[in-house]
Amino acid sequence: MSKSATAATGVGPDTDRLEPTAFGPRPMGSRALGWILVVLGAVGLVASGALAVERYLKLMNPEHVMSCSFSVFLDCGKAIDSWQGSLLGFPNPLIGVAAFPVVITTGVVVLAGARLPRWYWLSLLGATTVGIGLVVFLVWTSLYALVALCPYCMVVWAAMLPLFWYQVVHAVQEGHLRVGEGARRTIVGNRHLFLAIGYVALVAWVFLVMGPHLLASL
């Protein structure tokens, strides 16, 4: 396709990227994305690994008191011992132990200057979307079925939200996910604001349901 045809139709490689303007949104840089993947992947891996270790110690010694169990309402044991804690037939933390290294490796590759293909980014986003769906289910389970919060699980929840959101922003910015130009600029330009709103909504949900229980246990 010629440059003139590309300009006329608005289709081409140049339209897949959001270029900064004097009054437009500042794009998310590749190094910023790389660090996001590395740091959040590491946080998720540490929390998942700690929870997997606690699960192993509990199996070895049923009397083991988990390091993340502080009260009847702040207790990893309820989550680990429930059927929701082993959705695929093995402890959920092992999913994080297997998945977060992929996220970290991707971040390292991006920081090294590599340009990954569209199919890879969409595959990673698809897997992260499944992960965030699992997080929502586990949050609901913790609040309404178990009525207990798992501290290590909450660390994973806190890492997964920006991990998912900034991948969405990157996919929209780079044209991997096709949206209108107005939506594109709104998402990219207000990416931190939308993340803050997401955190506020999550914290409010947890506090409104669990707040009375936690206060009553003090």
N, C-alpha and C. Protein backbone atom coordinates (compact mmCIF):
# COMPACT_ATOMS: atom_id res chain seq x y z
N MET A 1 0.85 -1.19 0.00
CA MET A 1 0.00 0.00 0.00
C MET A 1 0.88 1.23 0.00
N SER A 2 0.61 2.21 -0.86
CA SER A 2 1.41 3.40 -0.96
C SER A 2 1.18 4.31 0.24
N LYS A 3 2.10 5.27 0.44
CA LYS A 3 1.95 6.20 1.54
C LYS A 3 0.69 7.04 1.39
N SER A 4 0.36 7.43 0.14
CA SER A 4 -0.84 8.23 -0.08
C SER A 4 -2.08 7.43 0.23
N ALA A 5 -2.09 6.13 -0.14
CA ALA A 5 -3.25 5.29 0.14
C ALA A 5 -3.39 5.07 1.63
N THR A 6 -2.24 4.92 2.29
CA THR A 6 -2.27 4.73 3.74
C THR A 6 -2.85 5.96 4.42
N ALA A 7 -2.43 7.14 3.97
CA ALA A 7 -2.92 8.36 4.57
C ALA A 7 -4.41 8.53 4.33
N ALA A 8 -4.88 8.11 3.13
CA ALA A 8 -6.30 8.28 2.79
C ALA A 8 -7.18 7.33 3.57
N THR A 9 -6.71 6.11 3.78
CA THR A 9 -7.55 5.11 4.43
C THR A 9 -7.35 5.07 5.93
N GLY A 10 -6.25 5.63 6.41
CA GLY A 10 -5.97 5.57 7.85
C GLY A 10 -5.53 4.20 8.30
N VAL A 11 -5.10 3.35 7.36
CA VAL A 11 -4.67 2.00 7.71
C VAL A 11 -3.21 1.86 7.34
N GLY A 12 -2.41 1.40 8.25
CA GLY A 12 -1.00 1.22 7.98
C GLY A 12 -0.22 1.17 9.26
N PRO A 13 1.07 0.88 9.17
CA PRO A 13 1.87 0.70 10.37
C PRO A 13 1.94 1.95 11.23
N ASP A 14 1.88 3.15 10.60
CA ASP A 14 2.01 4.37 11.38
C ASP A 14 0.79 4.62 12.26
N THR A 15 -0.37 4.06 11.90
CA THR A 15 -1.58 4.29 12.69
C THR A 15 -1.68 3.33 13.85
N ASP A 16 -0.78 2.37 13.94
CA ASP A 16 -0.81 1.41 15.02
C ASP A 16 -0.15 1.94 16.29
N ARG A 17 0.45 3.11 16.19
CA ARG A 17 1.17 3.63 17.34
C ARG A 17 0.62 5.01 17.68
N LEU A 18 0.56 5.32 18.97
CA LEU A 18 0.06 6.61 19.42
C LEU A 18 1.25 7.54 19.60
N GLU A 19 1.38 8.51 18.72
CA GLU A 19 2.49 9.43 18.79
C GLU A 19 2.15 10.59 19.71
N PRO A 20 3.09 11.02 20.59
CA PRO A 20 2.81 12.15 21.47
C PRO A 20 2.73 13.45 20.70
N THR A 21 1.83 14.32 21.12
CA THR A 21 1.72 15.65 20.55
C THR A 21 1.80 16.65 21.68
N ALA A 22 1.81 17.94 21.34
CA ALA A 22 1.92 18.97 22.36
C ALA A 22 0.75 18.91 23.34
N PHE A 23 -0.42 18.51 22.86
CA PHE A 23 -1.61 18.49 23.70
C PHE A 23 -2.19 17.10 23.86
N GLY A 24 -1.50 16.08 23.33
CA GLY A 24 -2.02 14.72 23.38
C GLY A 24 -1.48 13.95 24.57
N PRO A 25 -1.96 12.73 24.76
CA PRO A 25 -1.51 11.91 25.89
C PRO A 25 -0.08 11.44 25.70
N ARG A 26 0.61 11.28 26.80
CA ARG A 26 1.98 10.78 26.76
C ARG A 26 1.94 9.26 26.68
N PRO A 27 2.50 8.67 25.64
CA PRO A 27 2.45 7.20 25.51
C PRO A 27 3.23 6.51 26.62
N MET A 28 2.88 5.28 26.88
CA MET A 28 3.63 4.46 27.84
C MET A 28 4.84 3.90 27.13
N GLY A 29 6.03 4.21 27.62
CA GLY A 29 7.26 3.76 26.99
C GLY A 29 7.51 2.28 27.19
N SER A 30 8.32 1.71 26.32
CA SER A 30 8.61 0.28 26.41
C SER A 30 9.38 -0.05 27.68
N ARG A 31 10.27 0.85 28.13
CA ARG A 31 11.02 0.59 29.36
C ARG A 31 10.09 0.61 30.57
N ALA A 32 9.14 1.52 30.56
CA ALA A 32 8.17 1.56 31.66
C ALA A 32 7.39 0.25 31.72
N LEU A 33 6.95 -0.22 30.56
CA LEU A 33 6.22 -1.48 30.52
C LEU A 33 7.10 -2.63 30.99
N GLY A 34 8.36 -2.63 30.55
CA GLY A 34 9.28 -3.69 30.96
C GLY A 34 9.45 -3.75 32.47
N TRP A 35 9.63 -2.59 33.09
CA TRP A 35 9.78 -2.55 34.54
C TRP A 35 8.50 -2.96 35.26
N ILE A 36 7.36 -2.58 34.70
CA ILE A 36 6.08 -2.99 35.29
C ILE A 36 5.98 -4.52 35.30
N LEU A 37 6.32 -5.14 34.20
CA LEU A 37 6.25 -6.59 34.11
C LEU A 37 7.23 -7.26 35.07
N VAL A 38 8.44 -6.74 35.15
CA VAL A 38 9.46 -7.34 36.02
C VAL A 38 9.08 -7.20 37.49
N VAL A 39 8.73 -5.98 37.89
CA VAL A 39 8.46 -5.72 39.31
C VAL A 39 7.18 -6.43 39.77
N LEU A 40 6.10 -6.27 39.01
CA LEU A 40 4.85 -6.89 39.43
C LEU A 40 4.92 -8.41 39.31
N GLY A 41 5.64 -8.90 38.30
CA GLY A 41 5.83 -10.34 38.19
C GLY A 41 6.60 -10.89 39.38
N ALA A 42 7.61 -10.14 39.83
CA ALA A 42 8.40 -10.57 40.99
C ALA A 42 7.56 -10.56 42.26
N VAL A 43 6.74 -9.52 42.43
CA VAL A 43 5.87 -9.45 43.61
C VAL A 43 4.91 -10.63 43.62
N GLY A 44 4.28 -10.90 42.47
CA GLY A 44 3.35 -12.02 42.38
C GLY A 44 4.03 -13.35 42.61
N LEU A 45 5.26 -13.49 42.10
CA LEU A 45 5.99 -14.74 42.26
C LEU A 45 6.36 -14.98 43.73
N VAL A 46 6.82 -13.94 44.41
CA VAL A 46 7.20 -14.09 45.82
C VAL A 46 5.98 -14.47 46.66
N ALA A 47 4.85 -13.78 46.44
CA ALA A 47 3.64 -14.08 47.21
C ALA A 47 3.13 -15.49 46.90
N SER A 48 3.14 -15.87 45.63
CA SER A 48 2.69 -17.21 45.25
C SER A 48 3.61 -18.27 45.82
N GLY A 49 4.92 -18.00 45.75
CA GLY A 49 5.88 -18.95 46.28
C GLY A 49 5.73 -19.13 47.79
N ALA A 50 5.52 -18.02 48.51
CA ALA A 50 5.33 -18.10 49.95
C ALA A 50 4.10 -18.91 50.30
N LEU A 51 3.04 -18.70 49.54
CA LEU A 51 1.80 -19.44 49.80
C LEU A 51 1.97 -20.92 49.45
N ALA A 52 2.73 -21.21 48.39
CA ALA A 52 2.99 -22.61 48.04
C ALA A 52 3.81 -23.31 49.13
N VAL A 53 4.77 -22.60 49.70
CA VAL A 53 5.57 -23.16 50.79
C VAL A 53 4.70 -23.44 52.00
N GLU A 54 3.81 -22.49 52.31
CA GLU A 54 2.92 -22.69 53.45
C GLU A 54 2.01 -23.89 53.22
N ARG A 55 1.56 -24.07 52.00
CA ARG A 55 0.73 -25.22 51.67
C ARG A 55 1.50 -26.52 51.87
N TYR A 56 2.76 -26.53 51.44
CA TYR A 56 3.60 -27.72 51.61
C TYR A 56 3.81 -28.03 53.10
N LEU A 57 4.11 -27.01 53.88
CA LEU A 57 4.34 -27.20 55.31
C LEU A 57 3.07 -27.71 56.00
N LYS A 58 1.93 -27.22 55.52
CA LYS A 58 0.66 -27.67 56.11
C LYS A 58 0.41 -29.13 55.78
N LEU A 59 0.78 -29.55 54.58
CA LEU A 59 0.61 -30.96 54.21
C LEU A 59 1.53 -31.85 55.03
N MET A 60 2.75 -31.37 55.28
CA MET A 60 3.70 -32.14 56.06
C MET A 60 3.32 -32.22 57.54
N ASN A 61 2.71 -31.13 58.02
CA ASN A 61 2.33 -31.07 59.43
C ASN A 61 0.98 -30.39 59.55
N PRO A 62 -0.10 -31.14 59.70
CA PRO A 62 -1.44 -30.56 59.79
C PRO A 62 -1.59 -29.55 60.93
N GLU A 63 -0.69 -29.59 61.92
CA GLU A 63 -0.74 -28.65 63.04
C GLU A 63 0.04 -27.36 62.77
N HIS A 64 0.65 -27.28 61.61
CA HIS A 64 1.45 -26.09 61.27
C HIS A 64 0.59 -24.84 61.25
N VAL A 65 1.05 -23.80 61.94
CA VAL A 65 0.36 -22.50 61.95
C VAL A 65 1.00 -21.63 60.88
N MET A 66 0.23 -21.25 59.89
CA MET A 66 0.76 -20.51 58.76
C MET A 66 1.19 -19.10 59.16
N SER A 67 2.26 -18.64 58.53
CA SER A 67 2.78 -17.31 58.83
C SER A 67 1.82 -16.21 58.40
N CYS A 68 0.87 -16.54 57.53
CA CYS A 68 -0.09 -15.55 57.05
C CYS A 68 -1.45 -15.69 57.73
N SER A 69 -1.49 -16.39 58.86
CA SER A 69 -2.73 -16.54 59.61
C SER A 69 -2.61 -15.74 60.90
N PHE A 70 -3.42 -14.69 61.01
CA PHE A 70 -3.35 -13.78 62.15
C PHE A 70 -4.60 -13.80 63.01
N SER A 71 -5.72 -14.11 62.42
CA SER A 71 -6.98 -14.16 63.17
C SER A 71 -7.96 -14.98 62.37
N VAL A 72 -9.17 -15.12 62.88
CA VAL A 72 -10.18 -15.90 62.18
C VAL A 72 -10.56 -15.25 60.86
N PHE A 73 -10.36 -13.94 60.72
CA PHE A 73 -10.72 -13.23 59.50
C PHE A 73 -9.52 -12.89 58.61
N LEU A 74 -8.32 -13.02 59.14
CA LEU A 74 -7.10 -12.88 58.35
C LEU A 74 -6.36 -14.21 58.43
N ASP A 75 -6.71 -15.10 57.52
CA ASP A 75 -6.26 -16.48 57.63
C ASP A 75 -6.10 -17.10 56.25
N CYS A 76 -4.86 -17.49 55.91
CA CYS A 76 -4.62 -18.16 54.63
C CYS A 76 -5.14 -19.59 54.63
N GLY A 77 -5.25 -20.17 55.81
CA GLY A 77 -5.63 -21.58 55.90
C GLY A 77 -6.98 -21.87 55.29
N LYS A 78 -7.95 -20.98 55.52
CA LYS A 78 -9.28 -21.21 54.98
C LYS A 78 -9.25 -21.27 53.45
N ALA A 79 -8.49 -20.36 52.85
CA ALA A 79 -8.40 -20.32 51.39
C ALA A 79 -7.70 -21.56 50.85
N ILE A 80 -6.62 -21.96 51.50
CA ILE A 80 -5.84 -23.10 51.03
C ILE A 80 -6.62 -24.40 51.17
N ASP A 81 -7.36 -24.54 52.28
CA ASP A 81 -8.07 -25.79 52.54
C ASP A 81 -9.40 -25.91 51.79
N SER A 82 -9.88 -24.82 51.20
CA SER A 82 -11.16 -24.86 50.49
C SER A 82 -10.99 -25.48 49.11
N TRP A 83 -12.10 -25.93 48.52
CA TRP A 83 -12.02 -26.47 47.16
C TRP A 83 -11.66 -25.39 46.17
N GLN A 84 -12.00 -24.13 46.49
CA GLN A 84 -11.63 -23.03 45.58
C GLN A 84 -10.13 -22.80 45.56
N GLY A 85 -9.44 -23.33 46.57
CA GLY A 85 -7.99 -23.17 46.62
C GLY A 85 -7.23 -24.12 45.72
N SER A 86 -7.95 -25.05 45.11
CA SER A 86 -7.31 -26.02 44.19
C SER A 86 -8.25 -26.24 43.00
N LEU A 87 -8.48 -25.21 42.25
CA LEU A 87 -9.48 -25.25 41.18
C LEU A 87 -9.12 -26.23 40.06
N LEU A 88 -7.84 -26.42 39.81
CA LEU A 88 -7.41 -27.30 38.72
C LEU A 88 -6.92 -28.65 39.23
N GLY A 89 -7.22 -28.93 40.48
CA GLY A 89 -6.78 -30.20 41.06
C GLY A 89 -5.47 -30.11 41.80
N PHE A 90 -4.83 -28.95 41.80
CA PHE A 90 -3.60 -28.71 42.56
C PHE A 90 -3.70 -27.29 43.14
N PRO A 91 -2.91 -26.97 44.17
CA PRO A 91 -3.03 -25.66 44.82
C PRO A 91 -2.87 -24.50 43.84
N ASN A 92 -3.76 -23.53 43.96
CA ASN A 92 -3.73 -22.36 43.09
C ASN A 92 -2.38 -21.63 43.07
N PRO A 93 -1.65 -21.55 44.20
CA PRO A 93 -0.37 -20.83 44.16
C PRO A 93 0.61 -21.38 43.12
N LEU A 94 0.49 -22.66 42.78
CA LEU A 94 1.40 -23.22 41.79
C LEU A 94 1.17 -22.60 40.41
N ILE A 95 -0.06 -22.12 40.17
CA ILE A 95 -0.33 -21.42 38.91
C ILE A 95 0.54 -20.16 38.85
N GLY A 96 0.56 -19.42 39.96
CA GLY A 96 1.38 -18.22 40.01
C GLY A 96 2.86 -18.52 39.91
N VAL A 97 3.29 -19.60 40.56
CA VAL A 97 4.71 -19.99 40.51
C VAL A 97 5.13 -20.30 39.08
N ALA A 98 4.22 -20.84 38.29
CA ALA A 98 4.52 -21.16 36.89
C ALA A 98 4.36 -19.97 35.96
N ALA A 99 3.37 -19.11 36.24
CA ALA A 99 3.02 -18.03 35.31
C ALA A 99 3.85 -16.77 35.49
N PHE A 100 4.12 -16.38 36.73
CA PHE A 100 4.81 -15.11 36.94
C PHE A 100 6.23 -15.08 36.37
N PRO A 101 6.98 -16.20 36.35
CA PRO A 101 8.29 -16.15 35.68
C PRO A 101 8.19 -15.79 34.20
N VAL A 102 7.10 -16.18 33.55
CA VAL A 102 6.90 -15.79 32.14
C VAL A 102 6.76 -14.28 32.03
N VAL A 103 6.01 -13.70 32.97
CA VAL A 103 5.83 -12.24 32.98
C VAL A 103 7.18 -11.55 33.21
N ILE A 104 7.94 -12.05 34.18
CA ILE A 104 9.25 -11.45 34.47
C ILE A 104 10.18 -11.55 33.27
N THR A 105 10.21 -12.71 32.65
CA THR A 105 11.07 -12.91 31.48
C THR A 105 10.68 -11.97 30.35
N THR A 106 9.38 -11.80 30.15
CA THR A 106 8.92 -10.87 29.11
C THR A 106 9.41 -9.46 29.40
N GLY A 107 9.31 -9.04 30.66
CA GLY A 107 9.79 -7.72 31.02
C GLY A 107 11.27 -7.55 30.78
N VAL A 108 12.06 -8.57 31.12
CA VAL A 108 13.50 -8.51 30.90
C VAL A 108 13.81 -8.40 29.41
N VAL A 109 13.09 -9.17 28.60
CA VAL A 109 13.30 -9.13 27.15
C VAL A 109 12.97 -7.75 26.60
N VAL A 110 11.89 -7.16 27.09
CA VAL A 110 11.50 -5.82 26.64
C VAL A 110 12.56 -4.80 27.06
N LEU A 111 13.05 -4.89 28.30
CA LEU A 111 14.09 -3.98 28.76
C LEU A 111 15.38 -4.13 27.96
N ALA A 112 15.60 -5.32 27.42
CA ALA A 112 16.80 -5.56 26.60
C ALA A 112 16.66 -4.96 25.21
N GLY A 113 15.47 -4.46 24.89
CA GLY A 113 15.27 -3.79 23.60
C GLY A 113 14.59 -4.61 22.53
N ALA A 114 14.15 -5.82 22.88
CA ALA A 114 13.48 -6.66 21.88
C ALA A 114 12.08 -6.15 21.60
N ARG A 115 11.63 -6.35 20.37
CA ARG A 115 10.26 -6.00 19.96
C ARG A 115 9.51 -7.31 19.73
N LEU A 116 8.55 -7.58 20.57
CA LEU A 116 7.82 -8.83 20.49
C LEU A 116 6.64 -8.70 19.54
N PRO A 117 6.25 -9.78 18.87
CA PRO A 117 5.16 -9.72 17.89
C PRO A 117 3.79 -9.55 18.55
N ARG A 118 2.84 -9.13 17.73
CA ARG A 118 1.48 -8.87 18.21
C ARG A 118 0.87 -10.10 18.83
N TRP A 119 1.09 -11.28 18.21
CA TRP A 119 0.46 -12.50 18.72
C TRP A 119 0.95 -12.82 20.12
N TYR A 120 2.20 -12.48 20.42
CA TYR A 120 2.72 -12.77 21.76
C TYR A 120 2.04 -11.87 22.79
N TRP A 121 1.95 -10.58 22.47
CA TRP A 121 1.31 -9.66 23.42
C TRP A 121 -0.15 -10.02 23.66
N LEU A 122 -0.85 -10.40 22.60
CA LEU A 122 -2.24 -10.78 22.77
C LEU A 122 -2.37 -12.08 23.56
N SER A 123 -1.44 -13.00 23.36
CA SER A 123 -1.46 -14.26 24.12
C SER A 123 -1.21 -13.98 25.60
N LEU A 124 -0.23 -13.12 25.88
CA LEU A 124 0.06 -12.78 27.27
C LEU A 124 -1.12 -12.06 27.90
N LEU A 125 -1.74 -11.15 27.16
CA LEU A 125 -2.91 -10.44 27.67
C LEU A 125 -4.07 -11.40 27.89
N GLY A 126 -4.24 -12.36 26.99
CA GLY A 126 -5.31 -13.34 27.16
C GLY A 126 -5.11 -14.16 28.42
N ALA A 127 -3.87 -14.60 28.66
CA ALA A 127 -3.58 -15.37 29.87
C ALA A 127 -3.79 -14.51 31.12
N THR A 128 -3.38 -13.24 31.04
CA THR A 128 -3.56 -12.35 32.19
C THR A 128 -5.05 -12.07 32.43
N THR A 129 -5.83 -12.00 31.36
CA THR A 129 -7.27 -11.80 31.51
C THR A 129 -7.90 -12.98 32.24
N VAL A 130 -7.48 -14.20 31.89
CA VAL A 130 -7.96 -15.38 32.62
C VAL A 130 -7.54 -15.27 34.09
N GLY A 131 -6.30 -14.79 34.32
CA GLY A 131 -5.81 -14.63 35.68
C GLY A 131 -6.61 -13.62 36.47
N ILE A 132 -6.96 -12.50 35.86
CA ILE A 132 -7.73 -11.48 36.58
C ILE A 132 -9.15 -11.98 36.83
N GLY A 133 -9.67 -12.79 35.92
CA GLY A 133 -10.98 -13.40 36.16
C GLY A 133 -10.93 -14.34 37.35
N LEU A 134 -9.84 -15.10 37.47
CA LEU A 134 -9.65 -15.98 38.62
C LEU A 134 -9.54 -15.17 39.91
N VAL A 135 -8.85 -14.03 39.84
CA VAL A 135 -8.72 -13.17 41.01
C VAL A 135 -10.09 -12.68 41.47
N VAL A 136 -10.91 -12.23 40.53
CA VAL A 136 -12.26 -11.74 40.88
C VAL A 136 -13.05 -12.85 41.56
N PHE A 137 -12.96 -14.07 41.02
CA PHE A 137 -13.68 -15.20 41.61
C PHE A 137 -13.17 -15.48 43.03
N LEU A 138 -11.86 -15.42 43.23
CA LEU A 138 -11.29 -15.69 44.54
C LEU A 138 -11.59 -14.58 45.54
N VAL A 139 -11.64 -13.34 45.06
CA VAL A 139 -12.05 -12.24 45.94
C VAL A 139 -13.48 -12.48 46.41
N TRP A 140 -14.36 -12.81 45.47
CA TRP A 140 -15.76 -13.09 45.83
C TRP A 140 -15.84 -14.25 46.81
N THR A 141 -15.06 -15.30 46.55
CA THR A 141 -15.05 -16.46 47.44
C THR A 141 -14.59 -16.08 48.85
N SER A 142 -13.53 -15.28 48.92
CA SER A 142 -12.99 -14.87 50.22
C SER A 142 -14.00 -14.05 51.01
N LEU A 143 -14.72 -13.16 50.31
CA LEU A 143 -15.62 -12.24 50.99
C LEU A 143 -16.94 -12.89 51.39
N TYR A 144 -17.47 -13.75 50.53
CA TYR A 144 -18.83 -14.24 50.74
C TYR A 144 -18.91 -15.71 51.14
N ALA A 145 -17.98 -16.52 50.69
CA ALA A 145 -18.03 -17.96 51.01
C ALA A 145 -17.18 -18.30 52.23
N LEU A 146 -15.94 -17.78 52.25
CA LEU A 146 -15.04 -18.10 53.35
C LEU A 146 -15.10 -17.08 54.48
N VAL A 147 -15.47 -15.85 54.15
CA VAL A 147 -15.50 -14.74 55.11
C VAL A 147 -14.14 -14.65 55.82
N ALA A 148 -13.11 -14.67 55.04
CA ALA A 148 -11.74 -14.57 55.56
C ALA A 148 -10.83 -14.09 54.44
N LEU A 149 -9.83 -13.31 54.80
CA LEU A 149 -8.89 -12.77 53.83
C LEU A 149 -7.53 -13.44 53.99
N CYS A 150 -6.95 -13.81 52.88
CA CYS A 150 -5.62 -14.42 52.86
C CYS A 150 -4.61 -13.33 52.51
N PRO A 151 -3.74 -12.92 53.46
CA PRO A 151 -2.80 -11.82 53.19
C PRO A 151 -1.92 -12.03 51.96
N TYR A 152 -1.36 -13.24 51.79
CA TYR A 152 -0.53 -13.48 50.62
C TYR A 152 -1.37 -13.40 49.33
N CYS A 153 -2.60 -13.88 49.41
CA CYS A 153 -3.48 -13.79 48.25
C CYS A 153 -3.73 -12.34 47.88
N MET A 154 -3.90 -11.48 48.90
CA MET A 154 -4.18 -10.07 48.63
C MET A 154 -3.00 -9.40 47.95
N VAL A 155 -1.78 -9.86 48.26
CA VAL A 155 -0.60 -9.32 47.56
C VAL A 155 -0.68 -9.66 46.08
N VAL A 156 -1.08 -10.90 45.78
CA VAL A 156 -1.23 -11.30 44.38
C VAL A 156 -2.33 -10.48 43.72
N TRP A 157 -3.45 -10.28 44.41
CA TRP A 157 -4.53 -9.47 43.85
C TRP A 157 -4.02 -8.07 43.50
N ALA A 158 -3.27 -7.48 44.44
CA ALA A 158 -2.77 -6.12 44.25
C ALA A 158 -1.80 -6.04 43.07
N ALA A 159 -1.05 -7.10 42.80
CA ALA A 159 -0.12 -7.12 41.68
C ALA A 159 -0.83 -7.37 40.35
N MET A 160 -1.87 -8.20 40.38
CA MET A 160 -2.55 -8.58 39.15
C MET A 160 -3.33 -7.43 38.53
N LEU A 161 -3.89 -6.55 39.35
CA LEU A 161 -4.71 -5.47 38.80
C LEU A 161 -3.91 -4.56 37.87
N PRO A 162 -2.77 -3.97 38.29
CA PRO A 162 -2.00 -3.16 37.35
C PRO A 162 -1.34 -3.98 36.25
N LEU A 163 -0.99 -5.23 36.55
CA LEU A 163 -0.39 -6.08 35.53
C LEU A 163 -1.36 -6.26 34.37
N PHE A 164 -2.62 -6.49 34.68
CA PHE A 164 -3.64 -6.62 33.65
C PHE A 164 -3.90 -5.29 32.96
N TRP A 165 -4.10 -4.24 33.74
CA TRP A 165 -4.51 -2.96 33.17
C TRP A 165 -3.45 -2.37 32.25
N TYR A 166 -2.19 -2.39 32.66
CA TYR A 166 -1.16 -1.78 31.83
C TYR A 166 -0.91 -2.60 30.56
N GLN A 167 -1.19 -3.88 30.59
CA GLN A 167 -1.14 -4.65 29.34
C GLN A 167 -2.26 -4.22 28.40
N VAL A 168 -3.44 -3.95 28.95
CA VAL A 168 -4.54 -3.44 28.13
C VAL A 168 -4.15 -2.10 27.51
N VAL A 169 -3.59 -1.22 28.33
CA VAL A 169 -3.15 0.09 27.83
C VAL A 169 -2.13 -0.07 26.71
N HIS A 170 -1.16 -0.94 26.91
CA HIS A 170 -0.13 -1.17 25.89
C HIS A 170 -0.75 -1.71 24.61
N ALA A 171 -1.68 -2.66 24.75
CA ALA A 171 -2.31 -3.25 23.56
C ALA A 171 -3.12 -2.22 22.79
N VAL A 172 -3.81 -1.35 23.52
CA VAL A 172 -4.59 -0.28 22.86
C VAL A 172 -3.65 0.73 22.22
N GLN A 173 -2.62 1.12 22.92
CA GLN A 173 -1.66 2.11 22.42
C GLN A 173 -0.97 1.65 21.15
N GLU A 174 -0.57 0.38 21.14
CA GLU A 174 0.16 -0.15 19.99
C GLU A 174 -0.73 -0.64 18.87
N GLY A 175 -2.04 -0.59 19.07
CA GLY A 175 -2.95 -1.03 18.02
C GLY A 175 -3.20 -2.52 18.01
N HIS A 176 -2.74 -3.25 19.03
CA HIS A 176 -3.03 -4.68 19.09
C HIS A 176 -4.51 -4.92 19.35
N LEU A 177 -5.12 -4.03 20.13
CA LEU A 177 -6.57 -4.03 20.34
C LEU A 177 -7.12 -2.80 19.63
N ARG A 178 -8.03 -3.01 18.70
CA ARG A 178 -8.55 -1.90 17.90
C ARG A 178 -9.70 -1.20 18.61
N VAL A 179 -9.51 0.07 18.89
CA VAL A 179 -10.57 0.90 19.46
C VAL A 179 -10.58 2.23 18.72
N GLY A 180 -11.61 3.03 18.93
CA GLY A 180 -11.66 4.34 18.32
C GLY A 180 -10.56 5.24 18.84
N GLU A 181 -10.20 6.25 18.05
CA GLU A 181 -9.10 7.13 18.44
C GLU A 181 -9.40 7.87 19.73
N GLY A 182 -10.66 8.26 19.93
CA GLY A 182 -11.01 8.95 21.16
C GLY A 182 -10.83 8.06 22.37
N ALA A 183 -11.30 6.81 22.26
CA ALA A 183 -11.14 5.86 23.36
C ALA A 183 -9.66 5.55 23.59
N ARG A 184 -8.93 5.48 22.52
CA ARG A 184 -7.50 5.18 22.62
C ARG A 184 -6.77 6.25 23.40
N ARG A 185 -7.03 7.51 23.07
CA ARG A 185 -6.37 8.60 23.76
C ARG A 185 -6.83 8.71 25.21
N THR A 186 -8.10 8.43 25.45
CA THR A 186 -8.62 8.48 26.82
C THR A 186 -7.97 7.40 27.69
N ILE A 187 -7.88 6.19 27.17
CA ILE A 187 -7.30 5.08 27.92
C ILE A 187 -5.83 5.32 28.20
N VAL A 188 -5.07 5.70 27.17
CA VAL A 188 -3.63 5.90 27.33
C VAL A 188 -3.34 7.13 28.20
N GLY A 189 -4.06 8.21 27.93
CA GLY A 189 -3.80 9.45 28.66
C GLY A 189 -4.22 9.43 30.11
N ASN A 190 -5.20 8.58 30.44
CA ASN A 190 -5.71 8.52 31.82
C ASN A 190 -5.45 7.16 32.45
N ARG A 191 -4.41 6.48 32.01
CA ARG A 191 -4.17 5.11 32.46
C ARG A 191 -3.95 5.03 33.97
N HIS A 192 -3.24 5.99 34.55
CA HIS A 192 -2.99 5.94 35.99
C HIS A 192 -4.27 6.25 36.77
N LEU A 193 -5.07 7.16 36.26
CA LEU A 193 -6.33 7.50 36.92
C LEU A 193 -7.26 6.30 36.95
N PHE A 194 -7.39 5.60 35.83
CA PHE A 194 -8.27 4.43 35.78
C PHE A 194 -7.77 3.33 36.72
N LEU A 195 -6.45 3.18 36.83
CA LEU A 195 -5.91 2.18 37.75
C LEU A 195 -6.25 2.57 39.19
N ALA A 196 -6.11 3.84 39.52
CA ALA A 196 -6.43 4.30 40.87
C ALA A 196 -7.90 4.04 41.18
N ILE A 197 -8.77 4.28 40.21
CA ILE A 197 -10.20 4.00 40.40
C ILE A 197 -10.42 2.51 40.65
N GLY A 198 -9.70 1.68 39.92
CA GLY A 198 -9.81 0.24 40.11
C GLY A 198 -9.40 -0.18 41.51
N TYR A 199 -8.30 0.39 42.01
CA TYR A 199 -7.85 0.08 43.37
C TYR A 199 -8.87 0.54 44.41
N VAL A 200 -9.39 1.75 44.21
CA VAL A 200 -10.39 2.27 45.15
C VAL A 200 -11.61 1.35 45.18
N ALA A 201 -12.05 0.91 44.00
CA ALA A 201 -13.22 0.03 43.93
C ALA A 201 -12.94 -1.29 44.64
N LEU A 202 -11.74 -1.86 44.43
CA LEU A 202 -11.39 -3.13 45.06
C LEU A 202 -11.32 -2.99 46.58
N VAL A 203 -10.63 -1.95 47.05
CA VAL A 203 -10.50 -1.74 48.49
C VAL A 203 -11.87 -1.48 49.11
N ALA A 204 -12.70 -0.68 48.44
CA ALA A 204 -14.03 -0.39 48.97
C ALA A 204 -14.87 -1.66 49.07
N TRP A 205 -14.78 -2.51 48.05
CA TRP A 205 -15.52 -3.77 48.06
C TRP A 205 -15.11 -4.64 49.25
N VAL A 206 -13.79 -4.78 49.43
CA VAL A 206 -13.29 -5.60 50.54
C VAL A 206 -13.67 -4.99 51.88
N PHE A 207 -13.51 -3.68 52.02
CA PHE A 207 -13.78 -3.04 53.30
C PHE A 207 -15.26 -3.09 53.66
N LEU A 208 -16.12 -2.85 52.69
CA LEU A 208 -17.55 -2.84 52.98
C LEU A 208 -18.04 -4.21 53.44
N VAL A 209 -17.45 -5.25 52.86
CA VAL A 209 -17.90 -6.61 53.24
C VAL A 209 -17.18 -7.10 54.50
N MET A 210 -15.86 -6.93 54.54
CA MET A 210 -15.07 -7.50 55.63
C MET A 210 -14.81 -6.52 56.77
N GLY A 211 -14.99 -5.24 56.53
CA GLY A 211 -14.69 -4.23 57.56
C GLY A 211 -15.39 -4.51 58.89
N PRO A 212 -16.70 -4.73 58.89
CA PRO A 212 -17.38 -5.01 60.17
C PRO A 212 -16.83 -6.23 60.89
N HIS A 213 -16.49 -7.29 60.14
CA HIS A 213 -15.92 -8.48 60.75
C HIS A 213 -14.55 -8.21 61.37
N LEU A 214 -13.70 -7.47 60.63
CA LEU A 214 -12.36 -7.17 61.11
C LEU A 214 -12.42 -6.28 62.35
N LEU A 215 -13.29 -5.28 62.33
CA LEU A 215 -13.42 -4.40 63.48
C LEU A 215 -13.94 -5.15 64.69
N ALA A 216 -14.86 -6.06 64.46
CA ALA A 216 -15.43 -6.82 65.57
C ALA A 216 -14.41 -7.77 66.20
N SER A 217 -13.38 -8.15 65.42
CA SER A 217 -12.39 -9.09 65.95
C SER A 217 -11.28 -8.41 66.75
N LEU A 218 -11.24 -7.06 66.71
CA LEU A 218 -10.18 -6.34 67.41
C LEU A 218 -10.45 -6.31 68.92
